[in-house]
Amino acid sequence: MESADDLRQLVVDATTASTAEARRAAVAAVPPSLIANLLHAGLAEGPRPAALGTGVAASPGAASGALCLTTEAVLDASDRGEAAVLVRDETTPADEVGMREAAGIVTARGGMAGHAAVVARGWGIPAVVGVADLRVADNHVVLGGRRLDEGSAVSLDGSTGEVFAGEADLAGTVYLPELDVLLSWADEIRDNRVGVRANADRADDAARARDFGAEGIGLCRTEHLFLGDRLPLVQRFLAAEDPAEEAAALDDLEVVQRSDLVGVLEAMAPHPVVVRLLDAPQHEFRGDTAEDREHNPMLGTRGVRLAILREGLYRMQVRALCAAVADARAAGAEPHASVMLPLVATASELALVRGWVLDEMTTSAIGDALPVGTMVETPRAALRADDLAIHADFFSFGTNDLTQMVFGLSRDDAERDLMGKYRERGVLDANPFEHLDEGAVAPLVAAAIRAGRETRPGLEVGVCGEHGGDPRSIHLLVEAGVDYVSCSPFRVPVARLAVAQALIAQGA
């Protein structure tokens, strides 16, 4: 099955047969890649500009526009009504204002689980990352040995990883009613046995996820709510040396966090929303020029570690969330929120910070305790899942970081040079940041689920890493016994189909 016409005929035939067996066979017959292609624009048939480089096909779809090297340039192009392609060495949360307005994104560094790729997939923006031949300067780039000045036309295909010089014609997406019918059959097969949630951080992202059929938010990344005009507040908190200045910065952050979370909760109510407290490495907020920049920030003072050093941070976020829940209830919504603690490695870390979270809840306006769980993303957490489950109401596997730590590979660097050579030489048969590793990571997830449920029977378990939207990985995760997968909103339809196919393959 290769085209929309093939899918349309399949659905017509299954509808005519009008049997559960025919619908089940139709769901099993459709390759998830076809669904992904139908949801994103591609390059039009016919002549194309010269391809100058190839990188990791990080987010599907095609784009064409003016080459922009800064967020400001993207915003200026948007004000002029022009499409823009943001080209950076690598992106950070500080770039997200421009990324959201860009028609496409290209980076010299990064991989499938890096910042640019994850954000682009979440927003449905075509992206190519880890382009080895790309060199970014102040007012131009060099790609494939050719200089391209800022403002010149560039194009990209996020499905193939190609980057082109010049403007390319794009083919639009086509709404296919039969796709909605097929996905409704997939949902019948899932029958609430394995849910599909979305990774979404803003109210508009949550609304889009619901349109795609998401049954909740499995990961709301609060660091993505600290951008734009909020960024100076975070920087002020991180730089504060005086307790009074730190408290003042947290008070200001609490106001905006509360406002943002109300929108997310109302957009997704009455479905569940898992709110992950701040997890991003500090350099993503401080900037590369910070004097105290860590040598290895992804393994540095982030997540629960930062919270233990700066106790007021997570307490503030919990107060903001509880107030947001109260606000949403007052507005007539039925929000269902839970708190997730990131980068936990020991049960004592989890117990300590969970205690702070519960303290704040008991003095909040909501009058009840929200579920508190942990993100399982360090190998130690997975290996000691039985201990963690004593203090966790739920688990959610962050498979991006878990893969990085199990392999000892940087998820932002390995795919640029190393991964291609490993694949060519047969060292690895698949990119473990794209497809869940069957040799160690998948068995580790499965073992952690079993151990957690031995301690706490009925423990809810989800997956919020990008593997939650990859069909090949979904089969392994369903087999491991997860209760839901969570992925970027634009991958939700693919996940709905893939979960149903995994259940069919298991005879469920």
Protein backbone atom coordinates (compact mmCIF):
# COMPACT_ATOMS: atom_id res chain seq x y z
CA MET A 1 0.00 0.00 0.00
CA GLU A 2 1.66 3.19 -1.22
CA SER A 3 -0.87 5.94 -1.83
CA ALA A 4 -3.95 7.76 -0.60
CA ASP A 5 -5.96 6.02 -3.31
CA ASP A 6 -4.85 2.63 -1.97
CA LEU A 7 -5.95 3.57 1.54
CA ARG A 8 -9.25 4.95 0.29
CA GLN A 9 -10.07 1.70 -1.55
CA LEU A 10 -9.05 -0.43 1.43
CA VAL A 11 -11.44 1.44 3.71
CA VAL A 12 -14.25 1.26 1.16
CA ASP A 13 -13.80 -2.50 0.81
CA ALA A 14 -13.71 -3.04 4.59
CA THR A 15 -16.79 -0.87 5.05
CA THR A 16 -18.63 -2.86 2.39
CA ALA A 17 -17.67 -6.14 4.08
CA SER A 18 -19.06 -4.70 7.35
CA THR A 19 -17.32 -7.19 9.64
CA ALA A 20 -14.98 -6.77 12.57
CA GLU A 21 -12.51 -9.08 10.83
CA ALA A 22 -12.44 -6.86 7.74
CA ARG A 23 -11.84 -3.74 9.81
CA ARG A 24 -9.10 -5.47 11.77
CA ALA A 25 -7.43 -6.62 8.55
CA ALA A 26 -7.61 -3.11 7.12
CA VAL A 27 -5.94 -1.63 10.20
CA ALA A 28 -3.18 -4.24 10.02
CA ALA A 29 -2.55 -3.61 6.32
CA VAL A 30 -1.73 0.13 6.38
CA PRO A 31 1.94 1.09 6.85
CA PRO A 32 2.23 3.84 9.48
CA SER A 33 4.65 5.69 7.19
CA LEU A 34 1.78 6.31 4.79
CA ILE A 35 -0.17 8.07 7.54
CA ALA A 36 2.83 10.28 8.30
CA ASN A 37 3.20 11.20 4.63
CA LEU A 38 -0.48 12.09 4.30
CA LEU A 39 -0.28 14.53 7.22
CA HIS A 40 2.64 16.59 5.89
CA ALA A 41 3.31 18.58 2.74
CA GLY A 42 6.11 17.32 0.51
CA LEU A 43 8.07 18.53 -2.48
CA ALA A 44 6.05 18.76 -5.68
CA GLU A 45 6.80 16.44 -8.58
CA GLY A 46 9.12 17.82 -11.23
CA PRO A 47 12.48 19.63 -11.29
CA ARG A 48 14.08 20.49 -7.98
CA PRO A 49 16.92 22.80 -6.90
CA ALA A 50 20.39 21.39 -6.40
CA ALA A 51 20.76 19.32 -3.23
CA LEU A 52 23.78 20.62 -1.33
CA GLY A 53 23.72 18.53 1.81
CA THR A 54 22.03 15.74 3.73
CA GLY A 55 21.40 15.35 7.42
CA VAL A 56 19.06 13.52 9.76
CA ALA A 57 15.45 13.54 8.55
CA ALA A 58 14.20 14.85 11.89
CA SER A 59 10.66 16.08 11.20
CA PRO A 60 8.67 15.16 8.07
CA GLY A 61 7.39 17.55 5.44
CA ALA A 62 9.02 20.03 3.09
CA ALA A 63 9.62 23.77 3.32
CA SER A 64 11.04 26.59 1.25
CA GLY A 65 11.88 30.14 2.22
CA ALA A 66 14.47 32.79 3.01
CA LEU A 67 17.55 31.66 4.88
CA CYS A 68 17.44 33.22 8.37
CA LEU A 69 20.24 32.88 10.90
CA THR A 70 18.53 34.39 13.95
CA THR A 71 15.14 34.49 15.61
CA GLU A 72 14.99 38.21 14.82
CA ALA A 73 15.48 37.51 11.11
CA VAL A 74 12.67 34.94 11.16
CA LEU A 75 10.32 37.37 12.88
CA ASP A 76 11.22 40.12 10.40
CA ALA A 77 10.49 37.80 7.48
CA SER A 78 7.20 36.79 9.07
CA ASP A 79 6.25 40.47 9.46
CA ARG A 80 6.88 40.89 5.72
CA GLY A 81 4.68 37.91 4.95
CA GLU A 82 7.64 35.81 3.76
CA ALA A 83 8.38 32.18 4.56
CA ALA A 84 11.59 31.69 6.54
CA VAL A 85 13.92 28.75 7.06
CA LEU A 86 15.83 29.03 10.35
CA VAL A 87 19.40 27.75 9.97
CA ARG A 88 21.49 27.39 13.12
CA ASP A 89 24.51 25.49 14.33
CA GLU A 90 22.15 24.07 16.96
CA THR A 91 19.03 25.36 18.68
CA THR A 92 18.17 25.99 22.33
CA PRO A 93 14.95 26.98 24.10
CA ALA A 94 15.94 30.62 23.51
CA ASP A 95 15.37 30.02 19.77
CA GLU A 96 11.84 28.70 20.13
CA VAL A 97 10.12 32.02 19.45
CA GLY A 98 11.71 32.00 16.00
CA MET A 99 11.34 28.25 15.50
CA ARG A 100 7.58 28.49 15.95
CA GLU A 101 7.35 31.08 13.14
CA ALA A 102 9.70 29.29 10.75
CA ALA A 103 8.51 27.27 7.76
CA GLY A 104 11.43 24.89 8.25
CA ILE A 105 14.51 24.34 10.42
CA VAL A 106 18.04 23.21 9.52
CA THR A 107 20.88 22.66 11.99
CA ALA A 108 24.49 21.60 11.70
CA ARG A 109 24.38 19.65 14.95
CA GLY A 110 21.81 17.48 16.70
CA GLY A 111 19.94 14.26 16.10
CA MET A 112 16.50 12.66 16.32
CA ALA A 113 16.29 13.25 20.08
CA GLY A 114 17.95 16.67 20.10
CA HIS A 115 16.25 19.97 20.83
CA ALA A 116 15.57 21.06 17.24
CA ALA A 117 14.15 17.70 16.22
CA VAL A 118 11.89 17.26 19.24
CA VAL A 119 10.50 20.79 19.07
CA ALA A 120 10.01 20.70 15.29
CA ARG A 121 8.10 17.41 15.42
CA GLY A 122 5.95 18.77 18.22
CA TRP A 123 4.93 21.74 16.12
CA GLY A 124 4.72 19.93 12.78
CA ILE A 125 7.59 21.95 11.28
CA PRO A 126 9.82 20.21 8.70
CA ALA A 127 13.39 19.88 9.96
CA VAL A 128 16.75 18.49 8.94
CA VAL A 129 19.41 18.32 11.66
CA GLY A 130 23.00 17.17 11.95
CA VAL A 131 24.01 18.36 8.46
CA ALA A 132 27.71 17.50 8.46
CA ASP A 133 28.71 19.79 5.58
CA LEU A 134 26.96 22.86 7.03
CA ARG A 135 29.04 25.72 8.43
CA VAL A 136 27.16 28.65 9.97
CA ALA A 137 28.70 32.15 10.03
CA ASP A 138 27.36 35.55 11.10
CA ASN A 139 25.73 36.51 7.79
CA HIS A 140 25.98 33.41 5.62
CA VAL A 141 26.34 29.65 5.64
CA VAL A 142 28.53 27.30 3.67
CA LEU A 143 26.76 24.15 2.61
CA GLY A 144 28.32 21.52 0.41
CA GLY A 145 31.12 23.95 -0.40
CA ARG A 146 28.72 26.66 -1.60
CA ARG A 147 28.18 30.00 0.13
CA LEU A 148 24.57 31.00 0.77
CA ASP A 149 24.00 34.51 2.08
CA GLU A 150 21.33 35.28 4.65
CA GLY A 151 18.09 36.04 2.86
CA SER A 152 18.76 33.75 -0.09
CA ALA A 153 16.25 31.02 -0.88
CA VAL A 154 16.72 27.54 0.58
CA SER A 155 14.52 24.45 0.74
CA LEU A 156 14.48 21.24 2.73
CA ASP A 157 12.81 17.86 2.80
CA GLY A 158 12.36 16.70 6.37
CA SER A 159 11.34 13.23 5.18
CA THR A 160 14.61 12.54 3.31
CA GLY A 161 17.05 14.81 5.13
CA GLU A 162 17.98 16.77 2.00
CA VAL A 163 18.73 20.52 1.95
CA PHE A 164 18.55 22.44 -1.33
CA ALA A 165 19.77 25.80 -2.59
CA GLY A 166 16.95 27.83 -4.10
CA GLU A 167 13.17 27.79 -3.94
CA ALA A 168 11.26 24.52 -4.41
CA ASP A 169 7.61 23.96 -5.27
CA LEU A 170 5.63 22.29 -2.48
CA ALA A 171 2.75 19.82 -2.70
CA GLY A 172 0.00 20.48 -0.17
CA THR A 173 -1.69 17.98 2.10
CA VAL A 174 -5.04 16.45 1.14
CA TYR A 175 -7.77 15.76 3.70
CA LEU A 176 -8.78 12.12 3.48
CA PRO A 177 -12.04 11.21 5.29
CA GLU A 178 -11.15 7.54 4.99
CA LEU A 179 -8.15 8.14 7.23
CA ASP A 180 -10.46 9.22 10.05
CA VAL A 181 -12.50 6.06 9.53
CA LEU A 182 -9.39 3.87 9.64
CA LEU A 183 -8.15 5.51 12.82
CA SER A 184 -11.54 5.08 14.47
CA TRP A 185 -11.22 1.36 13.76
CA ALA A 186 -7.74 1.41 15.30
CA ASP A 187 -9.19 3.07 18.41
CA GLU A 188 -11.83 0.33 18.65
CA ILE A 189 -9.06 -2.28 18.61
CA ARG A 190 -7.13 -0.40 21.32
CA ASP A 191 -10.33 -0.21 23.39
CA ASN A 192 -8.63 1.77 26.18
CA ARG A 193 -6.08 -0.99 26.71
CA VAL A 194 -3.14 1.16 25.58
CA GLY A 195 -3.70 4.90 25.40
CA VAL A 196 -2.16 7.48 23.12
CA ARG A 197 -1.26 10.84 24.64
CA ALA A 198 0.68 13.82 23.36
CA ASN A 199 3.76 15.73 24.43
CA ALA A 200 2.38 19.28 24.51
CA ASP A 201 3.38 22.39 26.43
CA ARG A 202 0.94 25.13 25.47
CA ALA A 203 -2.80 25.50 25.14
CA ASP A 204 -2.68 25.61 21.33
CA ASP A 205 -0.46 22.51 21.24
CA ALA A 206 -2.94 20.72 23.52
CA ALA A 207 -5.88 21.69 21.32
CA ARG A 208 -4.06 20.47 18.21
CA ALA A 209 -3.22 17.20 19.95
CA ARG A 210 -6.91 16.65 20.76
CA ASP A 211 -7.77 17.27 17.11
CA PHE A 212 -5.36 14.47 16.22
CA GLY A 213 -7.04 12.14 18.73
CA ALA A 214 -4.79 12.43 21.79
CA GLU A 215 -6.32 11.09 24.99
CA GLY A 216 -4.32 13.31 27.32
CA ILE A 217 -0.91 14.89 27.72
CA GLY A 218 1.82 12.48 28.78
CA LEU A 219 4.45 15.21 28.98
CA CYS A 220 4.00 18.92 29.55
CA ARG A 221 7.56 20.31 29.64
CA THR A 222 7.43 23.32 31.95
CA GLU A 223 10.79 24.60 30.71
CA HIS A 224 9.09 25.38 27.40
CA LEU A 225 6.80 27.76 29.29
CA PHE A 226 9.83 29.77 30.46
CA LEU A 227 10.71 31.27 27.08
CA GLY A 228 10.19 34.52 25.24
CA ASP A 229 9.42 37.27 27.72
CA ARG A 230 9.72 34.71 30.56
CA LEU A 231 13.38 33.91 29.83
CA PRO A 232 14.81 36.89 31.77
CA LEU A 233 12.84 35.74 34.83
CA VAL A 234 14.47 32.30 34.70
CA GLN A 235 17.90 33.82 34.17
CA ARG A 236 17.27 36.15 37.10
CA PHE A 237 16.41 33.16 39.32
CA LEU A 238 19.44 31.13 38.23
CA ALA A 239 21.78 34.08 38.76
CA ALA A 240 20.31 35.08 42.13
CA GLU A 241 22.77 34.92 45.03
CA ASP A 242 20.63 36.78 47.51
CA PRO A 243 17.66 34.85 48.99
CA ALA A 244 15.39 37.87 48.64
CA GLU A 245 16.23 38.25 44.95
CA GLU A 246 15.65 34.54 44.38
CA ALA A 247 12.27 34.69 46.13
CA ALA A 248 11.24 37.72 44.07
CA ALA A 249 12.18 35.96 40.82
CA LEU A 250 10.21 32.87 41.85
CA ASP A 251 7.17 34.99 42.70
CA ASP A 252 7.19 36.48 39.20
CA LEU A 253 7.70 33.07 37.61
CA GLU A 254 4.81 31.62 39.60
CA VAL A 255 2.40 34.16 38.15
CA VAL A 256 3.22 33.37 34.52
CA GLN A 257 3.49 29.62 35.14
CA ARG A 258 0.03 29.58 36.67
CA SER A 259 -1.43 31.47 33.72
CA ASP A 260 0.18 29.18 31.13
CA LEU A 261 -0.82 25.97 32.90
CA VAL A 262 -4.45 27.05 33.19
CA GLY A 263 -4.61 27.21 29.40
CA VAL A 264 -3.11 23.74 28.99
CA LEU A 265 -5.39 22.15 31.60
CA GLU A 266 -8.54 23.73 30.17
CA ALA A 267 -7.62 22.76 26.60
CA MET A 268 -7.15 19.09 27.55
CA ALA A 269 -9.86 18.69 30.26
CA PRO A 270 -11.18 16.23 31.27
CA HIS A 271 -8.24 14.20 29.97
CA PRO A 272 -5.09 13.74 32.11
CA VAL A 273 -2.13 16.11 31.94
CA VAL A 274 1.28 15.04 33.27
CA VAL A 275 3.25 18.15 34.20
CA ARG A 276 6.99 17.61 34.35
CA LEU A 277 8.79 20.04 36.61
CA LEU A 278 11.79 21.91 35.23
CA ASP A 279 14.28 19.55 33.59
CA ALA A 280 16.32 21.44 30.99
CA PRO A 281 20.11 21.85 31.49
CA GLN A 282 20.94 25.29 32.85
CA HIS A 283 23.02 26.36 29.84
CA GLU A 284 19.87 26.34 27.70
CA PHE A 285 18.63 29.26 29.78
CA ARG A 286 21.89 30.89 30.83
CA GLY A 287 23.42 30.85 27.33
CA ASP A 288 26.72 29.50 26.07
CA THR A 289 28.70 32.41 27.48
CA ALA A 290 27.80 31.78 31.10
CA GLU A 291 30.95 31.83 33.23
CA ASP A 292 29.87 28.81 35.24
CA ARG A 293 28.84 26.66 32.29
CA GLU A 294 29.13 22.96 33.04
CA HIS A 295 31.37 20.75 30.94
CA ASN A 296 28.64 18.14 30.51
CA PRO A 297 25.34 19.94 31.16
CA MET A 298 23.08 17.06 30.09
CA LEU A 299 24.53 15.10 33.02
CA GLY A 300 24.91 18.14 35.24
CA THR A 301 22.77 20.06 37.70
CA ARG A 302 19.37 19.70 36.07
CA GLY A 303 16.04 18.15 36.96
CA VAL A 304 15.67 16.91 40.51
CA ARG A 305 19.32 17.78 41.20
CA LEU A 306 18.73 21.48 40.61
CA ALA A 307 15.59 21.25 42.73
CA ILE A 308 17.52 19.83 45.67
CA LEU A 309 20.08 22.63 45.42
CA ARG A 310 17.41 25.32 44.91
CA GLU A 311 14.45 24.01 46.92
CA GLY A 312 12.21 26.94 46.11
CA LEU A 313 12.06 26.10 42.40
CA TYR A 314 9.87 22.99 42.49
CA ARG A 315 7.85 24.32 45.41
CA MET A 316 6.97 27.35 43.26
CA GLN A 317 6.02 25.18 40.29
CA VAL A 318 3.73 23.01 42.43
CA ARG A 319 2.03 26.09 43.87
CA ALA A 320 1.52 27.40 40.34
CA LEU A 321 0.08 24.07 39.16
CA CYS A 322 -2.31 23.75 42.11
CA ALA A 323 -3.50 27.32 41.58
CA ALA A 324 -3.98 26.58 37.88
CA VAL A 325 -6.08 23.51 38.74
CA ALA A 326 -8.21 25.64 41.06
CA ASP A 327 -8.59 28.32 38.36
CA ALA A 328 -9.63 25.74 35.76
CA ARG A 329 -12.19 24.23 38.13
CA ALA A 330 -13.57 27.69 38.89
CA ALA A 331 -13.98 28.23 35.14
CA GLY A 332 -16.10 25.08 34.88
CA ALA A 333 -13.48 22.67 33.55
CA GLU A 334 -12.61 19.25 34.99
CA PRO A 335 -8.80 19.22 34.95
CA HIS A 336 -6.84 16.11 35.85
CA ALA A 337 -3.21 16.95 36.52
CA SER A 338 -0.27 15.03 37.93
CA VAL A 339 3.29 16.01 38.82
CA MET A 340 6.34 14.30 37.34
CA LEU A 341 9.84 14.59 38.83
CA PRO A 342 12.65 14.30 36.25
CA LEU A 343 16.16 12.82 36.23
CA VAL A 344 15.68 10.83 39.42
CA ALA A 345 18.36 8.21 40.09
CA THR A 346 17.70 7.20 43.71
CA ALA A 347 14.65 6.50 45.83
CA SER A 348 15.95 8.95 48.44
CA GLU A 349 15.94 11.79 45.88
CA LEU A 350 12.39 10.94 44.95
CA ALA A 351 11.20 10.64 48.55
CA LEU A 352 12.76 13.96 49.54
CA VAL A 353 11.37 16.03 46.68
CA ARG A 354 8.02 14.22 46.68
CA GLY A 355 7.69 15.30 50.30
CA TRP A 356 8.13 18.94 49.29
CA VAL A 357 5.56 18.54 46.54
CA LEU A 358 3.00 17.06 48.91
CA ASP A 359 3.71 19.81 51.46
CA GLU A 360 2.79 22.46 48.92
CA MET A 361 -0.34 20.58 47.87
CA THR A 362 -1.65 20.30 51.42
CA THR A 363 -1.58 24.09 51.79
CA SER A 364 -2.98 24.83 48.32
CA ALA A 365 -6.48 25.81 47.27
CA ILE A 366 -7.37 22.50 45.60
CA GLY A 367 -7.93 20.53 48.77
CA ASP A 368 -6.63 17.23 47.42
CA ALA A 369 -3.29 15.69 46.52
CA LEU A 370 -2.39 15.29 42.87
CA PRO A 371 -0.59 12.10 41.77
CA VAL A 372 3.20 12.42 41.97
CA GLY A 373 5.34 10.19 39.77
CA THR A 374 8.80 10.01 38.31
CA MET A 375 10.37 10.03 34.91
CA VAL A 376 12.52 6.92 34.50
CA GLU A 377 15.40 8.11 32.35
CA THR A 378 18.56 7.08 34.18
CA PRO A 379 19.79 3.47 34.10
CA ARG A 380 19.94 3.40 37.89
CA ALA A 381 16.31 4.42 38.15
CA ALA A 382 15.33 1.62 35.79
CA LEU A 383 17.46 -0.93 37.64
CA ARG A 384 16.03 0.09 41.03
CA ALA A 385 12.45 0.59 39.85
CA ASP A 386 11.19 -1.53 42.75
CA ASP A 387 12.54 1.03 45.24
CA LEU A 388 11.31 4.03 43.26
CA ALA A 389 7.80 2.60 43.06
CA ILE A 390 7.47 2.93 46.83
CA HIS A 391 7.39 6.70 46.35
CA ALA A 392 5.84 7.00 42.88
CA ASP A 393 2.19 7.01 41.86
CA PHE A 394 3.25 6.42 38.25
CA PHE A 395 6.27 5.91 36.00
CA SER A 396 6.93 7.57 32.65
CA PHE A 397 9.96 6.44 30.66
CA GLY A 398 12.06 9.19 29.11
CA THR A 399 13.60 6.97 26.46
CA ASN A 400 15.67 9.75 24.85
CA ASP A 401 17.87 10.22 27.89
CA LEU A 402 17.67 6.56 28.87
CA THR A 403 19.07 5.57 25.46
CA GLN A 404 21.77 8.22 25.74
CA MET A 405 22.91 6.98 29.12
CA VAL A 406 22.70 3.26 28.35
CA PHE A 407 24.83 3.67 25.22
CA GLY A 408 27.03 6.44 26.62
CA LEU A 409 26.34 8.38 23.41
CA SER A 410 25.45 12.05 23.19
CA ARG A 411 22.00 12.27 21.63
CA ASP A 412 22.93 15.70 20.23
CA ASP A 413 26.22 14.69 18.62
CA ALA A 414 26.29 10.99 17.75
CA GLU A 415 24.00 11.21 14.74
CA ARG A 416 26.05 13.81 12.90
CA ASP A 417 29.08 11.64 12.10
CA LEU A 418 29.27 8.50 14.20
CA MET A 419 25.84 7.00 13.57
CA GLY A 420 26.18 7.07 9.79
CA LYS A 421 29.51 5.26 9.91
CA TYR A 422 28.18 2.72 12.39
CA ARG A 423 25.26 1.98 10.11
CA GLU A 424 27.47 1.73 7.01
CA ARG A 425 29.84 -0.70 8.73
CA GLY A 426 27.10 -2.78 10.31
CA VAL A 427 28.09 -1.90 13.88
CA LEU A 428 24.46 -0.96 14.53
CA ASP A 429 21.50 -2.11 12.46
CA ALA A 430 19.37 0.87 13.51
CA ASN A 431 19.71 4.30 15.05
CA PRO A 432 18.81 3.76 18.74
CA PHE A 433 17.54 7.34 19.04
CA GLU A 434 15.04 6.65 16.26
CA HIS A 435 14.09 3.03 17.05
CA LEU A 436 14.18 1.69 20.60
CA ASP A 437 17.22 -0.55 21.12
CA GLU A 438 16.07 -4.17 21.32
CA GLY A 439 19.30 -5.40 22.86
CA ALA A 440 19.40 -3.42 26.10
CA VAL A 441 17.06 -0.43 26.37
CA ALA A 442 13.79 -2.24 25.57
CA PRO A 443 14.58 -5.13 27.97
CA LEU A 444 15.55 -2.58 30.63
CA VAL A 445 12.20 -0.82 30.22
CA ALA A 446 10.33 -4.13 30.43
CA ALA A 447 12.24 -5.24 33.53
CA ALA A 448 11.65 -1.89 35.24
CA ILE A 449 7.92 -2.14 34.57
CA ARG A 450 7.79 -5.63 36.10
CA ALA A 451 9.83 -4.54 39.13
CA GLY A 452 7.76 -1.42 39.68
CA ARG A 453 4.51 -3.34 39.56
CA GLU A 454 5.82 -5.98 41.98
CA THR A 455 6.20 -3.19 44.52
CA ARG A 456 3.06 -1.32 43.52
CA PRO A 457 0.53 -3.54 41.70
CA GLY A 458 -1.41 -1.62 39.09
CA LEU A 459 1.30 1.05 38.77
CA GLU A 460 0.47 3.24 35.77
CA VAL A 461 3.30 3.29 33.26
CA GLY A 462 3.74 5.51 30.22
CA VAL A 463 6.45 6.45 27.75
CA CYS A 464 7.06 10.07 26.85
CA GLY A 465 10.32 9.84 24.90
CA GLU A 466 10.18 10.28 21.13
CA HIS A 467 10.15 6.49 20.74
CA GLY A 468 6.50 6.76 21.82
CA GLY A 469 5.68 7.93 18.29
CA ASP A 470 7.83 5.41 16.40
CA PRO A 471 5.86 2.36 15.17
CA ARG A 472 8.77 -0.05 15.49
CA SER A 473 9.39 1.06 19.08
CA ILE A 474 5.70 1.03 19.92
CA HIS A 475 5.52 -2.72 19.26
CA LEU A 476 8.26 -3.27 21.87
CA LEU A 477 6.64 -0.90 24.36
CA VAL A 478 3.21 -2.50 24.07
CA GLU A 479 4.82 -5.89 24.57
CA ALA A 480 6.56 -4.53 27.68
CA GLY A 481 3.18 -3.63 29.18
CA VAL A 482 2.92 0.16 29.03
CA ASP A 483 -0.46 1.76 29.73
CA TYR A 484 0.07 4.55 27.21
CA VAL A 485 2.55 6.09 24.82
CA SER A 486 2.99 9.83 24.44
CA CYS A 487 4.46 11.58 21.42
CA SER A 488 4.47 14.81 19.45
CA PRO A 489 0.95 15.92 18.42
CA PHE A 490 1.57 15.36 14.72
CA ARG A 491 2.65 11.76 15.45
CA VAL A 492 -0.50 10.94 17.42
CA PRO A 493 -2.39 9.49 14.40
CA VAL A 494 0.61 7.30 13.58
CA ALA A 495 0.77 6.11 17.20
CA ARG A 496 -2.96 5.32 17.26
CA LEU A 497 -2.49 3.04 14.26
CA ALA A 498 0.78 1.52 15.47
CA VAL A 499 -0.59 0.65 18.93
CA ALA A 500 -3.56 -1.12 17.33
CA GLN A 501 -1.23 -3.02 15.02
CA ALA A 502 0.94 -4.03 17.98
CA LEU A 503 -2.11 -5.41 19.79
CA ILE A 504 -3.17 -7.28 16.65
CA ALA A 505 0.32 -8.78 16.32
CA GLN A 506 0.07 -10.02 19.91
CA GLY A 507 -3.31 -11.58 19.18
CA ALA A 508 -5.01 -9.20 21.59
